[in-house]
């Protein structure tokens, strides 16, 4: 069906999935990933700048991240920004490079993180359902204004429901995958 309401609903649902994926990528697992540092902003000459714009971020091994700042004078400022973030990480500097050991997660912390992932998943599902509701309301208005027949309305509503179900299944898959990643020791 080439209904613009359905196309819009699908695009909005795709954006919801992408936002959810970005949200859970920031949640720490036992493994080092540069995505952990995405939310950190550094005071770079009076302007808050994302950390990834101030140097090379890389994964040295499963439990260590490395930052090589382009401006060597920023090493201590970057260290301070990481320490004051709520990630609980302790950077170690040799004057030119910063290494960040990623401590293993406790069982209790893993369970808290899984709950957090599930909460984010539920929020994303609510957003998907809101998009579905908006699309169905719009379709009903179109039918009321004689832009759609009753049969076309029913068909369009089925299509919206199918798209919603597909997107909810994607969120469930992402939750399952992230949960497995977090609980892996």
N, C-alpha and C. Protein backbone atom coordinates (compact mmCIF):
# COMPACT_ATOMS: atom_id res chain seq x y z
N UNK A 1 0.85 -1.19 0.00
CA UNK A 1 0.00 0.00 0.00
C UNK A 1 0.89 1.25 0.00
N UNK A 2 0.56 2.23 -0.80
CA UNK A 2 1.36 3.44 -0.93
C UNK A 2 0.77 4.62 -0.17
N UNK A 3 0.13 4.34 0.93
CA UNK A 3 -0.49 5.39 1.72
C UNK A 3 0.60 6.20 2.44
N UNK A 4 0.60 7.54 2.31
CA UNK A 4 1.64 8.35 2.96
C UNK A 4 1.58 8.24 4.49
N UNK A 5 0.42 7.98 5.06
CA UNK A 5 0.29 7.83 6.52
C UNK A 5 1.08 6.60 6.98
N UNK A 6 0.96 5.52 6.21
CA UNK A 6 1.67 4.29 6.56
C UNK A 6 3.18 4.47 6.39
N UNK A 7 3.58 5.14 5.30
CA UNK A 7 5.01 5.41 5.09
C UNK A 7 5.58 6.23 6.24
N UNK A 8 4.84 7.27 6.65
CA UNK A 8 5.28 8.13 7.76
C UNK A 8 5.38 7.32 9.05
N UNK A 9 4.38 6.49 9.31
CA UNK A 9 4.39 5.67 10.53
C UNK A 9 5.61 4.74 10.54
N UNK A 10 5.89 4.14 9.38
CA UNK A 10 7.04 3.22 9.30
C UNK A 10 8.35 3.98 9.55
N UNK A 11 8.48 5.17 8.96
CA UNK A 11 9.70 5.96 9.17
C UNK A 11 9.86 6.34 10.64
N UNK A 12 8.76 6.74 11.27
CA UNK A 12 8.82 7.12 12.69
C UNK A 12 9.17 5.92 13.56
N UNK A 13 8.65 4.74 13.21
CA UNK A 13 8.96 3.53 13.97
C UNK A 13 10.43 3.14 13.77
N UNK A 14 10.94 3.31 12.54
CA UNK A 14 12.35 3.03 12.28
C UNK A 14 13.24 3.94 13.13
N UNK A 15 12.86 5.21 13.26
CA UNK A 15 13.62 6.16 14.08
C UNK A 15 13.58 5.75 15.55
N UNK A 16 12.44 5.24 16.00
CA UNK A 16 12.32 4.79 17.38
C UNK A 16 13.28 3.62 17.64
N UNK A 17 13.34 2.69 16.69
CA UNK A 17 14.26 1.54 16.82
C UNK A 17 15.71 2.05 16.88
N UNK A 18 16.04 3.00 16.00
CA UNK A 18 17.40 3.54 15.97
C UNK A 18 17.75 4.24 17.28
N UNK A 19 16.81 5.01 17.82
CA UNK A 19 17.03 5.70 19.09
C UNK A 19 17.25 4.68 20.21
N UNK A 20 16.46 3.61 20.20
CA UNK A 20 16.60 2.55 21.21
C UNK A 20 17.97 1.89 21.08
N UNK A 21 18.36 1.60 19.85
CA UNK A 21 19.66 0.96 19.61
C UNK A 21 20.80 1.86 20.14
N UNK A 22 20.70 3.16 19.88
CA UNK A 22 21.72 4.10 20.38
C UNK A 22 21.73 4.13 21.90
N UNK A 23 20.55 4.13 22.50
CA UNK A 23 20.43 4.18 23.96
C UNK A 23 21.10 2.98 24.61
N UNK A 24 20.81 1.78 24.09
CA UNK A 24 21.39 0.59 24.73
C UNK A 24 22.86 0.39 24.39
N UNK A 25 23.34 1.03 23.32
CA UNK A 25 24.77 0.89 23.00
C UNK A 25 25.63 1.58 24.06
N UNK A 26 25.04 2.54 24.77
CA UNK A 26 25.78 3.27 25.81
C UNK A 26 25.81 2.50 27.13
N UNK A 27 24.99 1.46 27.24
CA UNK A 27 24.96 0.68 28.47
C UNK A 27 26.16 -0.25 28.48
N UNK A 28 26.87 -0.21 29.57
CA UNK A 28 28.11 -0.93 29.69
C UNK A 28 27.90 -2.44 29.81
N UNK A 29 28.67 -3.16 29.08
CA UNK A 29 28.72 -4.61 29.25
C UNK A 29 30.09 -4.90 29.84
N UNK A 30 30.46 -6.12 29.98
CA UNK A 30 31.78 -6.44 30.53
C UNK A 30 32.90 -6.14 29.55
N UNK A 31 32.54 -5.84 28.30
CA UNK A 31 33.55 -5.64 27.27
C UNK A 31 33.77 -4.15 27.00
N UNK A 32 34.98 -3.82 26.60
CA UNK A 32 35.31 -2.43 26.26
C UNK A 32 34.74 -2.09 24.89
N UNK A 33 34.12 -0.93 24.80
CA UNK A 33 33.64 -0.42 23.51
C UNK A 33 33.70 1.11 23.57
N UNK A 34 34.06 1.72 22.45
CA UNK A 34 34.19 3.19 22.43
C UNK A 34 32.84 3.87 22.62
N UNK A 35 31.74 3.14 22.38
CA UNK A 35 30.40 3.72 22.56
C UNK A 35 30.16 4.13 24.02
N UNK A 36 30.90 3.53 24.94
CA UNK A 36 30.77 3.90 26.36
C UNK A 36 31.08 5.38 26.58
N UNK A 37 31.97 5.91 25.76
CA UNK A 37 32.44 7.28 25.96
C UNK A 37 31.63 8.30 25.16
N UNK A 38 30.62 7.86 24.43
CA UNK A 38 29.85 8.75 23.56
C UNK A 38 29.21 9.93 24.29
N UNK A 39 28.77 9.73 25.51
CA UNK A 39 28.07 10.80 26.21
C UNK A 39 28.98 11.80 26.89
N UNK A 40 30.28 11.56 26.89
CA UNK A 40 31.22 12.43 27.61
C UNK A 40 31.56 13.66 26.79
N UNK A 41 31.40 14.82 27.42
CA UNK A 41 31.77 16.10 26.79
C UNK A 41 32.92 16.70 27.60
N UNK A 42 33.85 17.30 26.89
CA UNK A 42 35.05 17.86 27.51
C UNK A 42 35.07 19.37 27.28
N UNK A 43 35.49 20.11 28.30
CA UNK A 43 35.61 21.57 28.17
C UNK A 43 36.86 21.87 27.35
N UNK A 44 36.66 22.15 26.07
CA UNK A 44 37.77 22.42 25.16
C UNK A 44 37.79 23.91 24.86
N UNK A 45 38.66 24.63 25.56
CA UNK A 45 38.78 26.08 25.45
C UNK A 45 37.43 26.77 25.59
N UNK A 46 36.68 26.40 26.65
CA UNK A 46 35.43 27.07 26.97
C UNK A 46 34.21 26.53 26.26
N UNK A 47 34.39 25.53 25.41
CA UNK A 47 33.24 24.96 24.69
C UNK A 47 33.16 23.47 24.99
N UNK A 48 31.96 22.99 25.37
CA UNK A 48 31.80 21.56 25.62
C UNK A 48 31.82 20.81 24.29
N UNK A 49 32.79 19.92 24.16
CA UNK A 49 33.02 19.21 22.92
C UNK A 49 32.96 17.70 23.18
N UNK A 50 32.30 16.93 22.30
CA UNK A 50 32.28 15.48 22.49
C UNK A 50 33.70 14.92 22.47
N UNK A 51 33.95 13.97 23.35
CA UNK A 51 35.27 13.38 23.51
C UNK A 51 35.81 12.81 22.19
N UNK A 52 34.94 12.21 21.37
CA UNK A 52 35.42 11.59 20.14
C UNK A 52 35.90 12.61 19.10
N UNK A 53 35.70 13.92 19.36
CA UNK A 53 36.20 14.95 18.46
C UNK A 53 37.54 15.52 18.91
N UNK A 54 38.06 14.98 20.02
CA UNK A 54 39.31 15.51 20.55
C UNK A 54 40.49 14.56 20.41
N UNK A 55 40.25 13.38 19.86
CA UNK A 55 41.34 12.43 19.71
C UNK A 55 40.86 11.11 19.15
N UNK A 56 41.79 10.18 19.03
CA UNK A 56 41.45 8.84 18.54
C UNK A 56 41.02 7.97 19.70
N UNK A 57 39.84 7.38 19.60
CA UNK A 57 39.36 6.43 20.60
C UNK A 57 39.51 5.04 20.01
N UNK A 58 40.06 4.12 20.80
CA UNK A 58 40.20 2.76 20.28
C UNK A 58 40.09 1.75 21.41
N UNK A 59 39.85 0.50 21.03
CA UNK A 59 39.76 -0.60 21.98
C UNK A 59 41.08 -1.35 21.90
N UNK A 60 41.84 -1.34 23.00
CA UNK A 60 43.12 -2.05 23.02
C UNK A 60 42.90 -3.55 23.16
N UNK A 61 42.05 -3.93 24.12
CA UNK A 61 41.68 -5.33 24.30
C UNK A 61 40.29 -5.37 24.93
N UNK A 62 39.83 -6.53 25.29
CA UNK A 62 38.46 -6.70 25.78
C UNK A 62 38.17 -5.84 27.01
N UNK A 63 39.21 -5.53 27.79
CA UNK A 63 38.99 -4.78 29.03
C UNK A 63 39.69 -3.43 29.09
N UNK A 64 40.14 -2.90 27.94
CA UNK A 64 40.87 -1.62 27.97
C UNK A 64 40.53 -0.76 26.75
N UNK A 65 40.23 0.51 27.05
CA UNK A 65 40.03 1.51 25.99
C UNK A 65 41.25 2.41 25.98
N UNK A 66 41.51 3.02 24.84
CA UNK A 66 42.64 3.94 24.71
C UNK A 66 42.18 5.23 24.03
N UNK A 67 42.70 6.35 24.54
CA UNK A 67 42.42 7.65 23.92
C UNK A 67 43.77 8.30 23.64
N UNK A 68 43.95 8.74 22.40
CA UNK A 68 45.14 9.49 22.02
C UNK A 68 44.66 10.88 21.59
N UNK A 69 44.75 11.87 22.51
CA UNK A 69 44.28 13.22 22.17
C UNK A 69 45.16 13.85 21.09
N UNK A 70 44.54 14.63 20.21
CA UNK A 70 45.31 15.33 19.18
C UNK A 70 46.08 16.50 19.80
N UNK A 71 45.48 17.11 20.81
CA UNK A 71 46.12 18.22 21.53
C UNK A 71 46.59 17.66 22.87
N UNK A 72 47.91 17.47 23.01
CA UNK A 72 48.47 16.82 24.21
C UNK A 72 48.16 17.59 25.49
N UNK A 73 47.90 18.90 25.37
CA UNK A 73 47.59 19.69 26.57
C UNK A 73 46.22 19.34 27.14
N UNK A 74 45.42 18.57 26.39
CA UNK A 74 44.06 18.23 26.83
C UNK A 74 44.01 16.94 27.64
N UNK A 75 45.14 16.23 27.81
CA UNK A 75 45.15 14.94 28.49
C UNK A 75 44.51 15.02 29.87
N UNK A 76 44.94 15.99 30.69
CA UNK A 76 44.41 16.09 32.06
C UNK A 76 42.94 16.49 32.07
N UNK A 77 42.53 17.34 31.13
CA UNK A 77 41.12 17.77 31.05
C UNK A 77 40.23 16.59 30.66
N UNK A 78 40.71 15.78 29.71
CA UNK A 78 39.96 14.59 29.29
C UNK A 78 39.85 13.60 30.44
N UNK A 79 40.97 13.39 31.14
CA UNK A 79 40.96 12.49 32.31
C UNK A 79 39.91 12.93 33.32
N UNK A 80 39.90 14.24 33.61
CA UNK A 80 38.95 14.78 34.59
C UNK A 80 37.50 14.57 34.12
N UNK A 81 37.24 14.78 32.84
CA UNK A 81 35.89 14.60 32.29
C UNK A 81 35.43 13.15 32.44
N UNK A 82 36.34 12.20 32.24
CA UNK A 82 35.99 10.78 32.37
C UNK A 82 35.73 10.44 33.84
N UNK A 83 36.58 10.98 34.72
CA UNK A 83 36.42 10.72 36.16
C UNK A 83 35.10 11.28 36.69
N UNK A 84 34.71 12.47 36.22
CA UNK A 84 33.49 13.10 36.73
C UNK A 84 32.22 12.58 36.04
N UNK A 85 32.38 11.77 34.97
CA UNK A 85 31.20 11.18 34.34
C UNK A 85 30.65 10.12 35.29
N UNK A 86 29.42 9.70 35.07
CA UNK A 86 28.82 8.72 35.98
C UNK A 86 29.08 7.28 35.54
N UNK A 87 30.15 7.07 34.78
CA UNK A 87 30.46 5.73 34.27
C UNK A 87 31.26 4.88 35.26
N UNK A 88 31.87 5.52 36.26
CA UNK A 88 32.65 4.77 37.24
C UNK A 88 33.95 4.24 36.66
N UNK A 89 34.54 4.98 35.73
CA UNK A 89 35.79 4.55 35.11
C UNK A 89 36.96 5.37 35.65
N UNK A 90 38.13 4.74 35.77
CA UNK A 90 39.33 5.43 36.27
C UNK A 90 40.41 5.43 35.20
N UNK A 91 40.53 6.55 34.46
CA UNK A 91 41.55 6.63 33.41
C UNK A 91 42.97 6.71 33.98
N UNK A 92 43.92 6.17 33.22
CA UNK A 92 45.32 6.21 33.60
C UNK A 92 46.07 6.86 32.45
N UNK A 93 46.88 7.88 32.78
CA UNK A 93 47.57 8.62 31.72
C UNK A 93 49.08 8.46 31.82
N UNK A 94 49.75 8.45 30.66
CA UNK A 94 51.21 8.44 30.65
C UNK A 94 51.74 9.78 30.12
N UNK A 95 50.87 10.79 30.09
CA UNK A 95 51.27 12.11 29.62
C UNK A 95 50.83 12.39 28.20
N UNK A 96 50.78 11.37 27.35
CA UNK A 96 50.35 11.58 25.97
C UNK A 96 49.12 10.73 25.61
N UNK A 97 49.01 9.57 26.20
CA UNK A 97 47.87 8.68 25.95
C UNK A 97 47.11 8.43 27.24
N UNK A 98 45.83 8.07 27.09
CA UNK A 98 45.01 7.74 28.25
C UNK A 98 44.49 6.33 28.04
N UNK A 99 44.69 5.49 29.04
CA UNK A 99 44.15 4.14 28.99
C UNK A 99 43.04 4.06 30.04
N UNK A 100 41.96 3.39 29.67
CA UNK A 100 40.83 3.26 30.58
C UNK A 100 40.54 1.77 30.78
N UNK A 101 40.92 1.24 31.95
CA UNK A 101 40.59 -0.16 32.22
C UNK A 101 39.09 -0.28 32.50
N UNK A 102 38.45 -1.27 31.91
CA UNK A 102 37.02 -1.51 32.13
C UNK A 102 36.92 -2.63 33.16
N UNK A 103 36.49 -2.27 34.38
CA UNK A 103 36.41 -3.30 35.42
C UNK A 103 35.27 -4.28 35.13
N UNK A 104 35.44 -5.55 35.54
CA UNK A 104 34.36 -6.51 35.32
C UNK A 104 33.13 -6.13 36.14
N UNK A 105 31.97 -6.46 35.63
CA UNK A 105 30.72 -6.12 36.32
C UNK A 105 30.38 -7.19 37.35
N UNK A 106 29.82 -6.75 38.47
CA UNK A 106 29.35 -7.71 39.46
C UNK A 106 28.03 -8.30 38.98
N UNK A 107 27.65 -9.44 39.54
CA UNK A 107 26.39 -10.10 39.16
C UNK A 107 25.21 -9.17 39.42
N UNK A 108 25.26 -8.48 40.56
CA UNK A 108 24.17 -7.56 40.93
C UNK A 108 24.06 -6.42 39.92
N UNK A 109 25.20 -5.86 39.53
CA UNK A 109 25.22 -4.76 38.57
C UNK A 109 24.72 -5.23 37.21
N UNK A 110 25.08 -6.44 36.82
CA UNK A 110 24.61 -7.00 35.55
C UNK A 110 23.08 -7.05 35.53
N UNK A 111 22.51 -7.52 36.64
CA UNK A 111 21.05 -7.63 36.73
C UNK A 111 20.39 -6.26 36.66
N UNK A 112 21.00 -5.26 37.31
CA UNK A 112 20.48 -3.89 37.23
C UNK A 112 20.50 -3.38 35.80
N UNK A 113 21.59 -3.66 35.08
CA UNK A 113 21.72 -3.21 33.70
C UNK A 113 20.69 -3.89 32.80
N UNK A 114 20.42 -5.18 33.05
CA UNK A 114 19.41 -5.89 32.26
C UNK A 114 18.04 -5.24 32.51
N UNK A 115 17.75 -4.90 33.77
CA UNK A 115 16.47 -4.23 34.08
C UNK A 115 16.38 -2.90 33.34
N UNK A 116 17.49 -2.18 33.30
CA UNK A 116 17.53 -0.89 32.61
C UNK A 116 17.26 -1.07 31.11
N UNK A 117 17.89 -2.07 30.52
CA UNK A 117 17.67 -2.35 29.09
C UNK A 117 16.19 -2.66 28.84
N UNK A 118 15.60 -3.48 29.72
CA UNK A 118 14.19 -3.84 29.55
C UNK A 118 13.29 -2.62 29.71
N UNK A 119 13.65 -1.70 30.62
CA UNK A 119 12.87 -0.47 30.81
C UNK A 119 12.94 0.38 29.53
N UNK A 120 14.16 0.54 28.99
CA UNK A 120 14.31 1.29 27.73
C UNK A 120 13.51 0.62 26.62
N UNK A 121 13.50 -0.72 26.60
CA UNK A 121 12.75 -1.46 25.60
C UNK A 121 11.26 -1.20 25.73
N UNK A 122 10.77 -1.17 26.96
CA UNK A 122 9.35 -0.91 27.19
C UNK A 122 8.99 0.51 26.74
N UNK A 123 9.87 1.46 27.04
CA UNK A 123 9.65 2.85 26.60
C UNK A 123 9.58 2.93 25.08
N UNK A 124 10.46 2.20 24.41
CA UNK A 124 10.47 2.20 22.94
C UNK A 124 9.18 1.58 22.40
N UNK A 125 8.71 0.51 23.05
CA UNK A 125 7.46 -0.13 22.61
C UNK A 125 6.28 0.82 22.79
N UNK A 126 6.29 1.58 23.87
CA UNK A 126 5.23 2.57 24.09
C UNK A 126 5.26 3.61 22.97
N UNK A 127 6.47 4.05 22.61
CA UNK A 127 6.61 5.02 21.51
C UNK A 127 6.05 4.43 20.21
N UNK A 128 6.33 3.15 19.95
CA UNK A 128 5.81 2.50 18.74
C UNK A 128 4.28 2.47 18.75
N UNK A 129 3.73 2.14 19.91
CA UNK A 129 2.26 2.08 20.01
C UNK A 129 1.64 3.46 19.82
N UNK A 130 2.33 4.49 20.29
CA UNK A 130 1.84 5.86 20.08
C UNK A 130 1.84 6.22 18.60
N UNK A 131 2.87 5.80 17.88
CA UNK A 131 2.93 6.04 16.43
C UNK A 131 1.78 5.30 15.76
N UNK A 132 1.53 4.06 16.19
CA UNK A 132 0.42 3.27 15.62
C UNK A 132 -0.91 3.99 15.86
N UNK A 133 -1.11 4.46 17.08
CA UNK A 133 -2.36 5.16 17.42
C UNK A 133 -2.53 6.41 16.54
N UNK A 134 -1.46 7.20 16.41
CA UNK A 134 -1.52 8.41 15.57
C UNK A 134 -1.87 8.06 14.12
N UNK A 135 -1.23 7.01 13.60
CA UNK A 135 -1.48 6.61 12.21
C UNK A 135 -2.94 6.17 12.05
N UNK A 136 -3.44 5.36 12.99
CA UNK A 136 -4.83 4.89 12.89
C UNK A 136 -5.82 6.05 12.99
N UNK A 137 -5.54 7.01 13.86
CA UNK A 137 -6.43 8.19 13.96
C UNK A 137 -6.43 8.96 12.65
N UNK A 138 -5.26 9.11 12.07
CA UNK A 138 -5.15 9.84 10.80
C UNK A 138 -5.91 9.11 9.68
N UNK A 139 -5.78 7.78 9.68
CA UNK A 139 -6.49 6.98 8.66
C UNK A 139 -8.01 7.11 8.83
N UNK A 140 -8.47 7.12 10.07
CA UNK A 140 -9.91 7.25 10.33
C UNK A 140 -10.42 8.62 9.87
N UNK A 141 -9.60 9.65 10.06
CA UNK A 141 -9.98 10.98 9.57
C UNK A 141 -10.09 10.97 8.04
N UNK A 142 -9.13 10.27 7.41
CA UNK A 142 -9.15 10.19 5.95
C UNK A 142 -10.42 9.48 5.47
N UNK A 143 -10.83 8.44 6.20
CA UNK A 143 -12.05 7.72 5.83
C UNK A 143 -13.27 8.62 6.02
N UNK A 144 -13.26 9.37 7.12
CA UNK A 144 -14.36 10.29 7.42
C UNK A 144 -14.49 11.37 6.34
N UNK A 145 -13.33 11.80 5.83
CA UNK A 145 -13.32 12.82 4.78
C UNK A 145 -13.46 12.22 3.39
N UNK A 146 -13.81 10.95 3.34
CA UNK A 146 -14.05 10.23 2.08
C UNK A 146 -12.80 10.10 1.21
N UNK A 147 -11.61 10.17 1.83
CA UNK A 147 -10.37 9.96 1.09
C UNK A 147 -10.06 8.47 0.99
N UNK A 148 -10.65 7.68 1.91
CA UNK A 148 -10.48 6.23 1.92
C UNK A 148 -11.86 5.58 2.04
N UNK A 149 -12.00 4.40 1.43
CA UNK A 149 -13.23 3.64 1.65
C UNK A 149 -13.07 2.86 2.95
N UNK A 150 -14.17 2.27 3.41
CA UNK A 150 -14.12 1.50 4.66
C UNK A 150 -13.18 0.30 4.51
N UNK A 151 -13.20 -0.35 3.35
CA UNK A 151 -12.32 -1.50 3.11
C UNK A 151 -10.85 -1.08 3.10
N UNK A 152 -10.58 0.06 2.45
CA UNK A 152 -9.20 0.57 2.41
C UNK A 152 -8.72 0.92 3.82
N UNK A 153 -9.61 1.45 4.65
CA UNK A 153 -9.29 1.79 6.03
C UNK A 153 -8.89 0.52 6.79
N UNK A 154 -9.70 -0.52 6.67
CA UNK A 154 -9.42 -1.79 7.36
C UNK A 154 -8.07 -2.36 6.90
N UNK A 155 -7.84 -2.31 5.59
CA UNK A 155 -6.59 -2.82 5.04
C UNK A 155 -5.39 -2.00 5.55
N UNK A 156 -5.55 -0.69 5.57
CA UNK A 156 -4.48 0.20 6.05
C UNK A 156 -4.21 -0.05 7.53
N UNK A 157 -5.26 -0.22 8.33
CA UNK A 157 -5.07 -0.49 9.77
C UNK A 157 -4.34 -1.81 9.99
N UNK A 158 -4.67 -2.82 9.15
CA UNK A 158 -3.96 -4.10 9.24
C UNK A 158 -2.47 -3.91 8.94
N UNK A 159 -2.19 -3.12 7.90
CA UNK A 159 -0.80 -2.85 7.50
C UNK A 159 -0.04 -2.15 8.63
N UNK A 160 -0.68 -1.15 9.26
CA UNK A 160 -0.05 -0.43 10.38
C UNK A 160 0.22 -1.39 11.52
N UNK A 161 -0.73 -2.29 11.81
CA UNK A 161 -0.55 -3.26 12.89
C UNK A 161 0.60 -4.21 12.58
N UNK A 162 0.71 -4.63 11.31
CA UNK A 162 1.78 -5.54 10.92
C UNK A 162 3.15 -4.85 11.09
N UNK A 163 3.23 -3.60 10.67
CA UNK A 163 4.49 -2.83 10.82
C UNK A 163 4.83 -2.70 12.31
N UNK A 164 3.82 -2.41 13.13
CA UNK A 164 4.03 -2.27 14.57
C UNK A 164 4.55 -3.58 15.16
N UNK A 165 3.91 -4.68 14.81
CA UNK A 165 4.33 -6.00 15.32
C UNK A 165 5.77 -6.31 14.92
N UNK A 166 6.13 -5.99 13.67
CA UNK A 166 7.50 -6.23 13.20
C UNK A 166 8.51 -5.42 14.02
N UNK A 167 8.18 -4.16 14.28
CA UNK A 167 9.10 -3.30 15.02
C UNK A 167 9.20 -3.73 16.49
N UNK A 168 8.11 -4.16 17.07
CA UNK A 168 8.15 -4.65 18.46
C UNK A 168 9.02 -5.91 18.54
N UNK A 169 8.92 -6.77 17.52
CA UNK A 169 9.76 -7.97 17.48
C UNK A 169 11.25 -7.59 17.38
N UNK A 170 11.56 -6.52 16.61
CA UNK A 170 12.96 -6.06 16.51
C UNK A 170 13.46 -5.59 17.88
N UNK A 171 12.61 -4.86 18.61
CA UNK A 171 13.01 -4.39 19.93
C UNK A 171 13.25 -5.57 20.86
N UNK A 172 12.36 -6.57 20.81
CA UNK A 172 12.54 -7.76 21.65
C UNK A 172 13.86 -8.46 21.32
N UNK A 173 14.20 -8.54 20.03
CA UNK A 173 15.47 -9.15 19.63
C UNK A 173 16.66 -8.36 20.17
N UNK A 174 16.59 -7.03 20.05
CA UNK A 174 17.68 -6.19 20.57
C UNK A 174 17.83 -6.36 22.07
N UNK A 175 16.71 -6.42 22.79
CA UNK A 175 16.75 -6.62 24.25
C UNK A 175 17.42 -7.95 24.57
N UNK A 176 16.98 -9.01 23.88
CA UNK A 176 17.53 -10.34 24.13
C UNK A 176 19.04 -10.37 23.88
N UNK A 177 19.45 -9.76 22.76
CA UNK A 177 20.87 -9.73 22.40
C UNK A 177 21.68 -8.96 23.46
N UNK A 178 21.18 -7.79 23.87
CA UNK A 178 21.90 -6.97 24.85
C UNK A 178 21.96 -7.67 26.20
N UNK A 179 20.85 -8.33 26.58
CA UNK A 179 20.81 -9.05 27.86
C UNK A 179 21.88 -10.15 27.86
N UNK A 180 21.98 -10.89 26.74
CA UNK A 180 22.99 -11.95 26.62
C UNK A 180 24.38 -11.36 26.75
N UNK A 181 24.60 -10.22 26.07
CA UNK A 181 25.90 -9.54 26.10
C UNK A 181 26.27 -9.10 27.52
N UNK A 182 25.28 -8.57 28.25
CA UNK A 182 25.54 -8.08 29.62
C UNK A 182 25.83 -9.24 30.58
N UNK A 183 25.07 -10.33 30.46
CA UNK A 183 25.20 -11.44 31.40
C UNK A 183 26.40 -12.33 31.11
N UNK A 184 27.02 -12.14 29.93
CA UNK A 184 28.20 -12.92 29.56
C UNK A 184 29.37 -12.53 30.46
N UNK A 185 30.01 -13.50 31.06
CA UNK A 185 31.14 -13.21 31.96
C UNK A 185 32.44 -13.34 31.23
